[in-house]
């Protein structure tokens, strides 16, 4: 179930954010924009805290990746989020050898709902929550993967005719393992964990 959720989130990100950005960033006289993408994810639970980490190639800048970190404390009902830009030179994303590595510090923001007794209402407050390091290595068999294909049609201009058509083919690598640390917690200390690595190609046709 966790893996399905991660897969769905990845596809949603690619088709709703990455592909349009790629199309806008590569417009020319040609109506076709071709791109590639890479993403590695890790999630784990330790006690009442669930952590999500995503490393993805920046669709608007080929020279960098974006590292996302999210944490949710179920008992306290507090959410933390943050992201950091990582130069490509500081990332290993080698699907030939089956290795992905990143070591970066992320500035976190704390999000919590605070009750106002005077107005009998809850308000969402965001405050800086310090930095957290992410030092992870993904390992997988580069020959062991499944393939998924997706189509996204935007702006219908006539019956079954669309102004923009985006298609993506994704490689979903199997049996991915992760080692390293998020903050002071090692991956081996987590009660439950899961990992995924995705790569693929896409093209967008703008009529």
N, C-alpha and C. Protein backbone atom coordinates (compact mmCIF):
# COMPACT_ATOMS: atom_id res chain seq x y z
N UNK A 1 0.83 -1.21 0.00
CA UNK A 1 0.00 0.00 0.00
C UNK A 1 0.86 1.26 0.00
N UNK A 2 1.95 1.22 0.79
CA UNK A 2 2.87 2.36 0.83
C UNK A 2 3.48 2.59 -0.55
N UNK A 3 3.90 1.49 -1.19
CA UNK A 3 4.54 1.60 -2.49
C UNK A 3 3.58 2.17 -3.52
N UNK A 4 2.31 1.74 -3.46
CA UNK A 4 1.31 2.27 -4.39
C UNK A 4 1.12 3.76 -4.18
N UNK A 5 1.10 4.18 -2.91
CA UNK A 5 0.94 5.61 -2.61
C UNK A 5 2.10 6.42 -3.17
N UNK A 6 3.32 5.90 -2.98
CA UNK A 6 4.50 6.59 -3.49
C UNK A 6 4.46 6.67 -5.00
N UNK A 7 4.03 5.58 -5.65
CA UNK A 7 3.95 5.56 -7.11
C UNK A 7 2.96 6.59 -7.62
N UNK A 8 1.80 6.66 -6.97
CA UNK A 8 0.77 7.61 -7.37
C UNK A 8 1.28 9.04 -7.20
N UNK A 9 1.93 9.33 -6.08
CA UNK A 9 2.46 10.67 -5.84
C UNK A 9 3.51 11.03 -6.88
N UNK A 10 4.32 10.06 -7.27
CA UNK A 10 5.34 10.33 -8.28
C UNK A 10 4.73 10.68 -9.62
N UNK A 11 3.73 9.90 -10.02
CA UNK A 11 3.07 10.15 -11.30
C UNK A 11 2.36 11.49 -11.30
N UNK A 12 1.69 11.80 -10.19
CA UNK A 12 1.01 13.10 -10.09
C UNK A 12 2.01 14.23 -10.23
N UNK A 13 3.16 14.10 -9.56
CA UNK A 13 4.18 15.15 -9.64
C UNK A 13 4.66 15.31 -11.07
N UNK A 14 4.97 14.21 -11.73
CA UNK A 14 5.51 14.28 -13.08
C UNK A 14 4.53 14.89 -14.06
N UNK A 15 3.27 14.44 -13.98
CA UNK A 15 2.30 14.87 -14.98
C UNK A 15 1.70 16.23 -14.70
N UNK A 16 1.68 16.67 -13.45
CA UNK A 16 1.07 17.97 -13.15
C UNK A 16 2.07 19.09 -12.94
N UNK A 17 3.33 18.73 -12.64
CA UNK A 17 4.33 19.77 -12.38
C UNK A 17 5.49 19.69 -13.36
N UNK A 18 6.10 18.54 -13.43
CA UNK A 18 7.33 18.43 -14.21
C UNK A 18 7.10 18.61 -15.70
N UNK A 19 6.09 17.94 -16.25
CA UNK A 19 5.89 18.01 -17.69
C UNK A 19 5.54 19.41 -18.17
N UNK A 20 4.58 20.12 -17.55
CA UNK A 20 4.32 21.48 -17.99
C UNK A 20 5.55 22.38 -17.88
N UNK A 21 6.33 22.22 -16.82
CA UNK A 21 7.54 23.03 -16.66
C UNK A 21 8.53 22.73 -17.76
N UNK A 22 8.64 21.46 -18.12
CA UNK A 22 9.54 21.09 -19.19
C UNK A 22 9.10 21.70 -20.51
N UNK A 23 7.81 21.67 -20.75
CA UNK A 23 7.29 22.22 -22.00
C UNK A 23 7.54 23.71 -22.09
N UNK A 24 7.32 24.43 -20.99
CA UNK A 24 7.51 25.87 -20.98
C UNK A 24 8.98 26.23 -21.12
N UNK A 25 9.83 25.42 -20.54
CA UNK A 25 11.24 25.74 -20.55
C UNK A 25 11.94 25.38 -21.84
N UNK A 26 11.28 24.63 -22.75
CA UNK A 26 11.93 24.18 -23.97
C UNK A 26 11.13 24.52 -25.21
N UNK A 27 10.33 25.56 -25.16
CA UNK A 27 9.53 25.93 -26.31
C UNK A 27 10.43 26.42 -27.44
N UNK A 28 10.11 26.05 -28.65
CA UNK A 28 10.82 26.50 -29.84
C UNK A 28 9.84 26.41 -30.99
N UNK A 29 10.37 26.43 -32.22
CA UNK A 29 9.49 26.30 -33.37
C UNK A 29 8.90 24.90 -33.46
N UNK A 30 9.56 23.94 -32.82
CA UNK A 30 9.06 22.57 -32.82
C UNK A 30 7.94 22.43 -31.79
N UNK A 31 6.83 21.76 -32.17
CA UNK A 31 5.73 21.59 -31.22
C UNK A 31 5.97 20.47 -30.21
N UNK A 32 7.11 19.78 -30.32
CA UNK A 32 7.38 18.64 -29.46
C UNK A 32 8.53 18.97 -28.51
N UNK A 33 8.31 18.74 -27.21
CA UNK A 33 9.34 18.94 -26.20
C UNK A 33 9.66 17.60 -25.55
N UNK A 34 10.93 17.17 -25.62
CA UNK A 34 11.34 15.89 -25.05
C UNK A 34 12.16 16.13 -23.79
N UNK A 35 11.95 15.29 -22.78
CA UNK A 35 12.65 15.45 -21.51
C UNK A 35 12.85 14.09 -20.83
N UNK A 36 13.71 14.09 -19.82
CA UNK A 36 13.90 12.90 -19.00
C UNK A 36 13.78 13.31 -17.53
N UNK A 37 13.56 12.34 -16.66
CA UNK A 37 13.41 12.65 -15.24
C UNK A 37 13.93 11.51 -14.39
N UNK A 38 14.30 11.85 -13.15
CA UNK A 38 14.84 10.88 -12.19
C UNK A 38 14.29 11.22 -10.81
N UNK A 39 13.95 10.20 -10.05
CA UNK A 39 13.42 10.43 -8.71
C UNK A 39 13.70 9.23 -7.82
N UNK A 40 14.14 9.51 -6.59
CA UNK A 40 14.36 8.47 -5.58
C UNK A 40 13.61 8.87 -4.32
N UNK A 41 12.90 7.91 -3.72
CA UNK A 41 12.08 8.21 -2.55
C UNK A 41 12.37 7.23 -1.42
N UNK A 42 12.16 7.73 -0.21
CA UNK A 42 12.31 6.89 0.98
C UNK A 42 11.32 7.36 2.03
N UNK A 43 10.64 6.42 2.67
CA UNK A 43 9.75 6.76 3.77
C UNK A 43 9.93 5.76 4.90
N UNK A 44 9.77 6.25 6.12
CA UNK A 44 9.94 5.38 7.27
C UNK A 44 9.15 5.86 8.47
N UNK A 45 8.87 4.95 9.37
CA UNK A 45 8.14 5.26 10.60
C UNK A 45 8.97 4.83 11.80
N UNK A 46 9.11 5.74 12.75
CA UNK A 46 9.77 5.43 14.01
C UNK A 46 8.90 5.97 15.14
N UNK A 47 8.27 5.07 15.87
CA UNK A 47 7.33 5.49 16.90
C UNK A 47 6.14 6.20 16.29
N UNK A 48 5.92 7.44 16.68
CA UNK A 48 4.78 8.21 16.18
C UNK A 48 5.17 9.18 15.07
N UNK A 49 6.39 9.07 14.57
CA UNK A 49 6.87 10.01 13.55
C UNK A 49 7.08 9.30 12.22
N UNK A 50 6.45 9.83 11.18
CA UNK A 50 6.62 9.30 9.83
C UNK A 50 7.42 10.30 9.01
N UNK A 51 8.38 9.80 8.25
CA UNK A 51 9.28 10.65 7.48
C UNK A 51 9.23 10.28 6.00
N UNK A 52 9.18 11.30 5.14
CA UNK A 52 9.22 11.12 3.69
C UNK A 52 10.38 11.93 3.12
N UNK A 53 11.18 11.31 2.29
CA UNK A 53 12.28 12.00 1.61
C UNK A 53 12.19 11.71 0.12
N UNK A 54 12.33 12.76 -0.69
CA UNK A 54 12.30 12.61 -2.14
C UNK A 54 13.45 13.39 -2.76
N UNK A 55 14.22 12.74 -3.59
CA UNK A 55 15.26 13.39 -4.38
C UNK A 55 14.84 13.32 -5.83
N UNK A 56 14.70 14.47 -6.48
CA UNK A 56 14.22 14.48 -7.86
C UNK A 56 15.01 15.47 -8.69
N UNK A 57 15.24 15.12 -9.94
CA UNK A 57 15.91 16.05 -10.85
C UNK A 57 15.02 17.27 -11.06
N UNK A 58 15.62 18.45 -11.03
CA UNK A 58 14.86 19.69 -11.21
C UNK A 58 14.44 19.80 -12.67
N UNK A 59 13.13 19.80 -12.97
CA UNK A 59 12.67 19.86 -14.36
C UNK A 59 12.99 21.18 -15.05
N UNK A 60 13.29 22.21 -14.27
CA UNK A 60 13.57 23.52 -14.85
C UNK A 60 15.06 23.84 -14.90
N UNK A 61 15.88 22.97 -14.33
CA UNK A 61 17.32 23.20 -14.33
C UNK A 61 18.05 21.86 -14.34
N UNK A 62 18.64 21.51 -15.47
CA UNK A 62 19.28 20.21 -15.60
C UNK A 62 20.54 20.08 -14.75
N UNK A 63 21.03 21.18 -14.22
CA UNK A 63 22.25 21.13 -13.44
C UNK A 63 22.05 20.91 -11.96
N UNK A 64 20.82 20.57 -11.56
CA UNK A 64 20.59 20.41 -10.12
C UNK A 64 19.44 19.46 -9.83
N UNK A 65 19.40 19.02 -8.57
CA UNK A 65 18.32 18.21 -8.04
C UNK A 65 17.64 18.99 -6.92
N UNK A 66 16.44 18.53 -6.54
CA UNK A 66 15.74 19.10 -5.40
C UNK A 66 15.50 17.98 -4.39
N UNK A 67 15.89 18.23 -3.16
CA UNK A 67 15.69 17.26 -2.08
C UNK A 67 14.56 17.75 -1.18
N UNK A 68 13.51 16.94 -1.06
CA UNK A 68 12.36 17.28 -0.22
C UNK A 68 12.39 16.41 1.04
N UNK A 69 12.05 17.02 2.17
CA UNK A 69 11.97 16.28 3.43
C UNK A 69 10.69 16.66 4.15
N UNK A 70 9.90 15.66 4.54
CA UNK A 70 8.65 15.88 5.28
C UNK A 70 8.62 14.95 6.49
N UNK A 71 8.12 15.46 7.61
CA UNK A 71 7.98 14.65 8.82
C UNK A 71 6.63 14.97 9.46
N UNK A 72 5.98 13.92 9.95
CA UNK A 72 4.69 14.12 10.61
C UNK A 72 4.66 13.37 11.92
N UNK A 73 4.36 14.11 13.00
CA UNK A 73 4.23 13.52 14.33
C UNK A 73 2.75 13.29 14.61
N UNK A 74 2.35 12.02 14.61
CA UNK A 74 0.93 11.69 14.78
C UNK A 74 0.41 12.08 16.16
N UNK A 75 1.21 11.85 17.20
CA UNK A 75 0.77 12.14 18.56
C UNK A 75 0.57 13.64 18.79
N UNK A 76 1.50 14.44 18.29
CA UNK A 76 1.43 15.89 18.50
C UNK A 76 0.66 16.61 17.40
N UNK A 77 0.34 15.88 16.33
CA UNK A 77 -0.34 16.48 15.17
C UNK A 77 0.45 17.69 14.64
N UNK A 78 1.74 17.46 14.46
CA UNK A 78 2.64 18.52 13.97
C UNK A 78 3.33 18.02 12.69
N UNK A 79 3.41 18.91 11.72
CA UNK A 79 3.98 18.58 10.42
C UNK A 79 5.21 19.44 10.16
N UNK A 80 6.25 18.84 9.61
CA UNK A 80 7.47 19.55 9.25
C UNK A 80 7.74 19.36 7.76
N UNK A 81 8.21 20.40 7.10
CA UNK A 81 8.55 20.25 5.70
C UNK A 81 9.73 21.16 5.35
N UNK A 82 10.43 20.79 4.29
CA UNK A 82 11.54 21.61 3.82
C UNK A 82 12.08 21.05 2.52
N UNK A 83 12.88 21.84 1.83
CA UNK A 83 13.51 21.40 0.60
C UNK A 83 14.84 22.11 0.43
N UNK A 84 15.70 21.52 -0.37
CA UNK A 84 17.02 22.11 -0.63
C UNK A 84 17.44 21.79 -2.05
N UNK A 85 18.10 22.73 -2.68
CA UNK A 85 18.65 22.53 -4.02
C UNK A 85 20.02 21.86 -3.88
N UNK A 86 20.24 20.81 -4.67
CA UNK A 86 21.50 20.08 -4.61
C UNK A 86 22.13 20.08 -6.01
N UNK A 87 23.33 20.63 -6.17
CA UNK A 87 23.98 20.59 -7.49
C UNK A 87 24.17 19.16 -7.97
N UNK A 88 24.08 18.95 -9.27
CA UNK A 88 24.23 17.61 -9.82
C UNK A 88 25.58 17.00 -9.46
N UNK A 89 26.60 17.85 -9.30
CA UNK A 89 27.93 17.35 -8.95
C UNK A 89 27.98 16.74 -7.55
N UNK A 90 26.98 17.06 -6.72
CA UNK A 90 26.93 16.52 -5.35
C UNK A 90 25.98 15.33 -5.22
N UNK A 91 25.45 14.87 -6.34
CA UNK A 91 24.50 13.76 -6.34
C UNK A 91 25.04 12.62 -7.19
N UNK A 92 24.86 11.40 -6.71
CA UNK A 92 25.12 10.22 -7.54
C UNK A 92 23.77 9.63 -7.91
N UNK A 93 23.47 9.58 -9.20
CA UNK A 93 22.23 8.95 -9.68
C UNK A 93 22.62 8.10 -10.88
N UNK A 94 23.10 6.90 -10.58
CA UNK A 94 23.66 6.01 -11.59
C UNK A 94 22.79 4.76 -11.71
N UNK A 95 21.93 4.73 -12.72
CA UNK A 95 21.05 3.58 -12.92
C UNK A 95 21.78 2.41 -13.56
N UNK A 96 22.96 2.65 -14.13
CA UNK A 96 23.75 1.56 -14.68
C UNK A 96 24.34 0.69 -13.57
N UNK A 97 24.78 1.35 -12.50
CA UNK A 97 25.34 0.63 -11.35
C UNK A 97 24.30 0.37 -10.25
N UNK A 98 23.14 0.99 -10.38
CA UNK A 98 22.09 0.80 -9.37
C UNK A 98 22.38 1.50 -8.07
N UNK A 99 22.82 2.77 -8.16
CA UNK A 99 23.17 3.53 -6.97
C UNK A 99 22.67 4.96 -7.05
N UNK A 100 22.08 5.44 -5.96
CA UNK A 100 21.71 6.85 -5.82
C UNK A 100 22.22 7.31 -4.46
N UNK A 101 22.90 8.45 -4.42
CA UNK A 101 23.43 8.97 -3.16
C UNK A 101 23.19 10.47 -3.05
N UNK A 102 22.87 10.91 -1.83
CA UNK A 102 22.74 12.34 -1.56
C UNK A 102 23.10 12.59 -0.10
N UNK A 103 23.75 13.72 0.14
CA UNK A 103 24.11 14.14 1.50
C UNK A 103 23.93 15.64 1.56
N UNK A 104 22.85 16.08 2.20
CA UNK A 104 22.50 17.50 2.18
C UNK A 104 21.72 17.86 3.44
N UNK A 105 21.87 19.10 3.88
CA UNK A 105 21.12 19.61 5.03
C UNK A 105 19.91 20.39 4.54
N UNK A 106 18.76 20.13 5.15
CA UNK A 106 17.50 20.76 4.76
C UNK A 106 16.97 21.61 5.91
N UNK A 107 16.61 22.85 5.62
CA UNK A 107 15.99 23.73 6.63
C UNK A 107 14.51 23.39 6.72
N UNK A 108 14.04 23.06 7.92
CA UNK A 108 12.66 22.64 8.12
C UNK A 108 11.78 23.76 8.65
N UNK A 109 10.51 23.69 8.28
CA UNK A 109 9.48 24.59 8.80
C UNK A 109 8.46 23.76 9.56
N UNK A 110 8.10 24.20 10.76
CA UNK A 110 7.12 23.50 11.59
C UNK A 110 5.73 24.07 11.34
N UNK A 111 4.77 23.19 11.09
CA UNK A 111 3.38 23.61 10.85
C UNK A 111 2.51 22.96 11.92
N UNK A 112 1.79 23.78 12.67
CA UNK A 112 0.90 23.24 13.70
C UNK A 112 -0.36 24.09 13.83
N UNK A 113 -1.43 23.43 14.23
CA UNK A 113 -2.70 24.12 14.47
C UNK A 113 -2.79 24.50 15.95
N UNK A 114 -2.97 25.79 16.19
CA UNK A 114 -3.04 26.31 17.56
C UNK A 114 -4.46 26.78 17.85
N UNK A 115 -4.99 26.37 19.01
CA UNK A 115 -6.36 26.73 19.37
C UNK A 115 -6.40 28.10 20.04
N UNK A 116 -7.27 28.96 19.54
CA UNK A 116 -7.50 30.30 20.11
C UNK A 116 -8.79 30.25 20.92
N UNK A 117 -8.66 30.23 22.26
CA UNK A 117 -9.84 30.11 23.12
C UNK A 117 -10.76 31.32 22.99
N UNK A 118 -10.19 32.48 22.82
CA UNK A 118 -11.01 33.70 22.75
C UNK A 118 -11.94 33.68 21.55
N UNK A 119 -11.45 33.21 20.42
CA UNK A 119 -12.26 33.18 19.21
C UNK A 119 -12.82 31.79 18.90
N UNK A 120 -12.49 30.81 19.76
CA UNK A 120 -12.96 29.44 19.57
C UNK A 120 -12.66 28.95 18.16
N UNK A 121 -11.39 29.06 17.78
CA UNK A 121 -10.99 28.66 16.43
C UNK A 121 -9.54 28.20 16.44
N UNK A 122 -9.21 27.38 15.43
CA UNK A 122 -7.84 26.92 15.26
C UNK A 122 -7.15 27.74 14.17
N UNK A 123 -5.88 28.04 14.40
CA UNK A 123 -5.10 28.78 13.42
C UNK A 123 -3.83 27.99 13.10
N UNK A 124 -3.46 27.99 11.84
CA UNK A 124 -2.24 27.31 11.42
C UNK A 124 -1.06 28.25 11.53
N UNK A 125 -0.04 27.80 12.23
CA UNK A 125 1.15 28.62 12.45
C UNK A 125 2.37 27.89 11.87
N UNK A 126 3.19 28.63 11.13
CA UNK A 126 4.44 28.10 10.59
C UNK A 126 5.62 28.80 11.25
N UNK A 127 6.56 28.01 11.74
CA UNK A 127 7.75 28.56 12.40
C UNK A 127 8.98 27.78 11.96
N UNK A 128 10.14 28.43 11.89
CA UNK A 128 11.38 27.72 11.56
C UNK A 128 11.65 26.63 12.60
N UNK A 129 12.12 25.48 12.13
CA UNK A 129 12.33 24.34 13.04
C UNK A 129 13.75 23.80 12.97
N UNK A 130 14.68 24.60 12.50
CA UNK A 130 16.07 24.16 12.46
C UNK A 130 16.39 23.33 11.22
N UNK A 131 17.59 22.81 11.19
CA UNK A 131 18.08 22.04 10.04
C UNK A 131 18.11 20.55 10.36
N UNK A 132 17.96 19.76 9.31
CA UNK A 132 18.06 18.30 9.46
C UNK A 132 18.86 17.76 8.28
N UNK A 133 19.84 16.93 8.59
CA UNK A 133 20.69 16.38 7.53
C UNK A 133 20.05 15.12 6.94
N UNK A 134 20.25 14.96 5.64
CA UNK A 134 19.79 13.76 4.93
C UNK A 134 21.00 13.15 4.25
N UNK A 135 21.40 11.98 4.70
CA UNK A 135 22.56 11.27 4.14
C UNK A 135 22.11 9.85 3.81
N UNK A 136 21.68 9.65 2.57
CA UNK A 136 21.07 8.38 2.18
C UNK A 136 21.72 7.81 0.92
N UNK A 137 21.73 6.48 0.86
CA UNK A 137 22.18 5.76 -0.32
C UNK A 137 21.13 4.73 -0.71
N UNK A 138 20.63 4.82 -1.93
CA UNK A 138 19.70 3.84 -2.48
C UNK A 138 20.49 2.82 -3.29
N UNK A 139 20.13 1.54 -3.18
CA UNK A 139 20.79 0.49 -3.95
C UNK A 139 19.73 -0.41 -4.58
N UNK A 140 19.96 -0.80 -5.84
CA UNK A 140 18.98 -1.62 -6.55
C UNK A 140 19.65 -2.32 -7.72
N UNK A 141 18.98 -3.35 -8.23
CA UNK A 141 19.45 -4.07 -9.41
C UNK A 141 18.97 -3.31 -10.65
N UNK A 142 19.88 -2.77 -11.45
CA UNK A 142 19.46 -1.96 -12.61
C UNK A 142 18.71 -2.74 -13.67
N UNK A 143 18.77 -4.06 -13.62
CA UNK A 143 18.07 -4.88 -14.61
C UNK A 143 16.71 -5.37 -14.12
N UNK A 144 16.37 -5.01 -12.88
CA UNK A 144 15.12 -5.47 -12.29
C UNK A 144 14.16 -4.29 -12.13
N UNK A 145 13.28 -4.12 -13.09
CA UNK A 145 12.34 -3.00 -13.04
C UNK A 145 11.08 -3.32 -13.84
N UNK A 146 10.03 -2.56 -13.58
CA UNK A 146 8.81 -2.64 -14.38
C UNK A 146 8.61 -1.30 -15.08
N UNK A 147 7.85 -1.32 -16.15
CA UNK A 147 7.64 -0.11 -16.96
C UNK A 147 6.18 0.31 -16.90
N UNK A 148 5.95 1.61 -16.75
CA UNK A 148 4.61 2.18 -16.71
C UNK A 148 4.52 3.32 -17.71
N UNK A 149 3.38 3.41 -18.38
CA UNK A 149 3.17 4.49 -19.34
C UNK A 149 1.94 5.30 -18.95
N UNK A 150 2.05 6.63 -19.09
CA UNK A 150 0.98 7.53 -18.69
C UNK A 150 0.77 8.60 -19.76
N UNK A 151 -0.48 9.03 -19.87
CA UNK A 151 -0.85 10.08 -20.82
C UNK A 151 -1.64 11.15 -20.09
N UNK A 152 -1.32 12.41 -20.35
CA UNK A 152 -2.03 13.54 -19.75
C UNK A 152 -2.47 14.47 -20.87
N UNK A 153 -3.78 14.68 -20.97
CA UNK A 153 -4.32 15.57 -22.00
C UNK A 153 -4.86 16.83 -21.33
N UNK A 154 -4.42 17.99 -21.82
CA UNK A 154 -4.84 19.27 -21.23
C UNK A 154 -5.54 20.15 -22.26
N UNK A 155 -6.50 20.92 -21.79
CA UNK A 155 -7.18 21.95 -22.59
C UNK A 155 -7.84 21.36 -23.83
N UNK A 156 -9.02 20.81 -23.66
CA UNK A 156 -9.76 20.25 -24.79
C UNK A 156 -10.29 21.38 -25.67
N UNK A 157 -9.92 21.38 -26.96
CA UNK A 157 -10.34 22.43 -27.88
C UNK A 157 -11.45 21.97 -28.82
N UNK A 158 -11.66 20.67 -28.88
CA UNK A 158 -12.74 20.11 -29.68
C UNK A 158 -12.92 18.67 -29.22
N UNK A 159 -13.88 17.98 -29.77
CA UNK A 159 -14.13 16.61 -29.35
C UNK A 159 -12.88 15.76 -29.58
N UNK A 160 -12.35 15.24 -28.48
CA UNK A 160 -11.16 14.38 -28.51
C UNK A 160 -9.94 15.08 -29.12
N UNK A 161 -9.91 16.40 -29.07
CA UNK A 161 -8.76 17.17 -29.53
C UNK A 161 -8.27 18.06 -28.40
N UNK A 162 -6.97 18.06 -28.18
CA UNK A 162 -6.42 18.77 -27.03
C UNK A 162 -5.28 19.69 -27.48
N UNK A 163 -5.17 20.80 -26.74
CA UNK A 163 -4.12 21.76 -27.06
C UNK A 163 -2.75 21.23 -26.67
N UNK A 164 -2.70 20.43 -25.62
CA UNK A 164 -1.42 19.89 -25.15
C UNK A 164 -1.57 18.43 -24.79
N UNK A 165 -0.63 17.62 -25.21
CA UNK A 165 -0.64 16.19 -24.93
C UNK A 165 0.73 15.80 -24.36
N UNK A 166 0.73 15.23 -23.17
CA UNK A 166 1.99 14.81 -22.54
C UNK A 166 1.97 13.30 -22.32
N UNK A 167 3.07 12.66 -22.66
CA UNK A 167 3.21 11.22 -22.46
C UNK A 167 4.49 10.94 -21.69
N UNK A 168 4.43 9.96 -20.80
CA UNK A 168 5.60 9.60 -20.00
C UNK A 168 5.73 8.09 -19.91
N UNK A 169 6.96 7.62 -19.99
CA UNK A 169 7.28 6.21 -19.77
C UNK A 169 8.22 6.13 -18.57
N UNK A 170 7.82 5.39 -17.55
CA UNK A 170 8.56 5.36 -16.29
C UNK A 170 9.10 3.96 -16.00
N UNK A 171 10.37 3.90 -15.61
CA UNK A 171 10.97 2.68 -15.10
C UNK A 171 10.88 2.70 -13.58
N UNK A 172 10.27 1.69 -13.02
CA UNK A 172 10.09 1.57 -11.57
C UNK A 172 10.98 0.42 -11.09
N UNK A 173 12.10 0.74 -10.47
CA UNK A 173 13.06 -0.28 -10.05
C UNK A 173 12.56 -1.03 -8.82
N UNK A 174 12.81 -2.33 -8.80
CA UNK A 174 12.28 -3.20 -7.75
C UNK A 174 13.32 -3.47 -6.67
N UNK A 175 12.82 -3.87 -5.50
CA UNK A 175 13.67 -4.30 -4.38
C UNK A 175 14.76 -3.27 -4.04
N UNK A 176 14.34 -2.03 -3.90
CA UNK A 176 15.27 -0.95 -3.56
C UNK A 176 15.55 -0.97 -2.06
N UNK A 177 16.81 -0.89 -1.69
CA UNK A 177 17.19 -0.78 -0.28
C UNK A 177 17.86 0.57 -0.03
N UNK A 178 17.76 1.04 1.21
CA UNK A 178 18.32 2.35 1.56
C UNK A 178 19.12 2.23 2.85
N UNK A 179 20.27 2.86 2.87
CA UNK A 179 21.09 2.93 4.08
C UNK A 179 21.48 4.39 4.34
N UNK A 180 21.82 4.69 5.58
CA UNK A 180 22.22 6.05 5.91
C UNK A 180 21.43 6.61 7.07
N UNK A 181 21.38 7.95 7.14
CA UNK A 181 20.71 8.62 8.25
C UNK A 181 19.88 9.81 7.79
N UNK A 182 18.80 10.05 8.53
CA UNK A 182 18.05 11.29 8.44
C UNK A 182 18.09 11.91 9.83
N UNK A 183 18.77 13.02 9.95
CA UNK A 183 19.02 13.55 11.29
C UNK A 183 19.93 12.61 12.05
N UNK A 184 19.54 12.25 13.26
CA UNK A 184 20.34 11.33 14.07
C UNK A 184 19.86 9.89 13.97
N UNK A 185 18.80 9.66 13.22
CA UNK A 185 18.22 8.31 13.13
C UNK A 185 18.73 7.57 11.90
N UNK A 186 19.30 6.40 12.13
CA UNK A 186 19.72 5.56 11.03
C UNK A 186 18.55 4.80 10.44
N UNK A 187 18.63 4.47 9.18
CA UNK A 187 17.52 3.76 8.52
C UNK A 187 17.24 2.41 9.17
N UNK A 188 18.28 1.80 9.76
CA UNK A 188 18.09 0.50 10.40
C UNK A 188 17.33 0.61 11.71
N UNK A 189 17.18 1.82 12.24
CA UNK A 189 16.46 2.02 13.50
C UNK A 189 14.95 2.17 13.31
N UNK A 190 14.52 2.36 12.08
CA UNK A 190 13.10 2.60 11.81
C UNK A 190 12.28 1.34 12.02
N UNK A 191 11.05 1.54 12.48
CA UNK A 191 10.14 0.40 12.68
C UNK A 191 9.66 -0.16 11.35
N UNK A 192 9.37 0.73 10.41
CA UNK A 192 8.93 0.33 9.07
C UNK A 192 9.54 1.30 8.07
N UNK A 193 9.83 0.82 6.87
CA UNK A 193 10.39 1.70 5.84
C UNK A 193 10.11 1.15 4.45
N UNK A 194 10.23 2.02 3.46
CA UNK A 194 10.04 1.63 2.07
C UNK A 194 10.81 2.58 1.17
N UNK A 195 11.17 2.11 -0.01
CA UNK A 195 11.97 2.94 -0.92
C UNK A 195 11.60 2.67 -2.36
N UNK A 196 11.82 3.67 -3.21
CA UNK A 196 11.54 3.55 -4.63
C UNK A 196 12.53 4.39 -5.42
N UNK A 197 12.82 3.94 -6.62
CA UNK A 197 13.62 4.72 -7.57
C UNK A 197 12.91 4.68 -8.92
N UNK A 198 12.72 5.85 -9.51
CA UNK A 198 12.04 5.97 -10.79
C UNK A 198 12.89 6.77 -11.76
N UNK A 199 12.91 6.35 -13.00
CA UNK A 199 13.50 7.16 -14.07
C UNK A 199 12.57 7.07 -15.26
N UNK A 200 12.75 7.96 -16.22
CA UNK A 200 11.89 7.87 -17.38
C UNK A 200 12.12 8.97 -18.38
N UNK A 201 11.34 8.92 -19.43
CA UNK A 201 11.37 9.92 -20.48
C UNK A 201 9.96 10.40 -20.74
N UNK A 202 9.86 11.59 -21.31
CA UNK A 202 8.54 12.14 -21.61
C UNK A 202 8.64 13.06 -22.81
N UNK A 203 7.51 13.28 -23.44
CA UNK A 203 7.46 14.31 -24.46
C UNK A 203 6.10 14.98 -24.42
N UNK A 204 6.09 16.25 -24.74
CA UNK A 204 4.87 17.05 -24.73
C UNK A 204 4.66 17.64 -26.11
N UNK A 205 3.47 17.45 -26.65
CA UNK A 205 3.10 18.02 -27.95
C UNK A 205 2.19 19.20 -27.71
N UNK A 206 2.57 20.36 -28.21
CA UNK A 206 1.76 21.56 -28.10
C UNK A 206 1.24 21.92 -29.48
N UNK A 207 -0.07 21.84 -29.65
CA UNK A 207 -0.65 22.10 -30.97
C UNK A 207 -0.88 23.59 -31.20
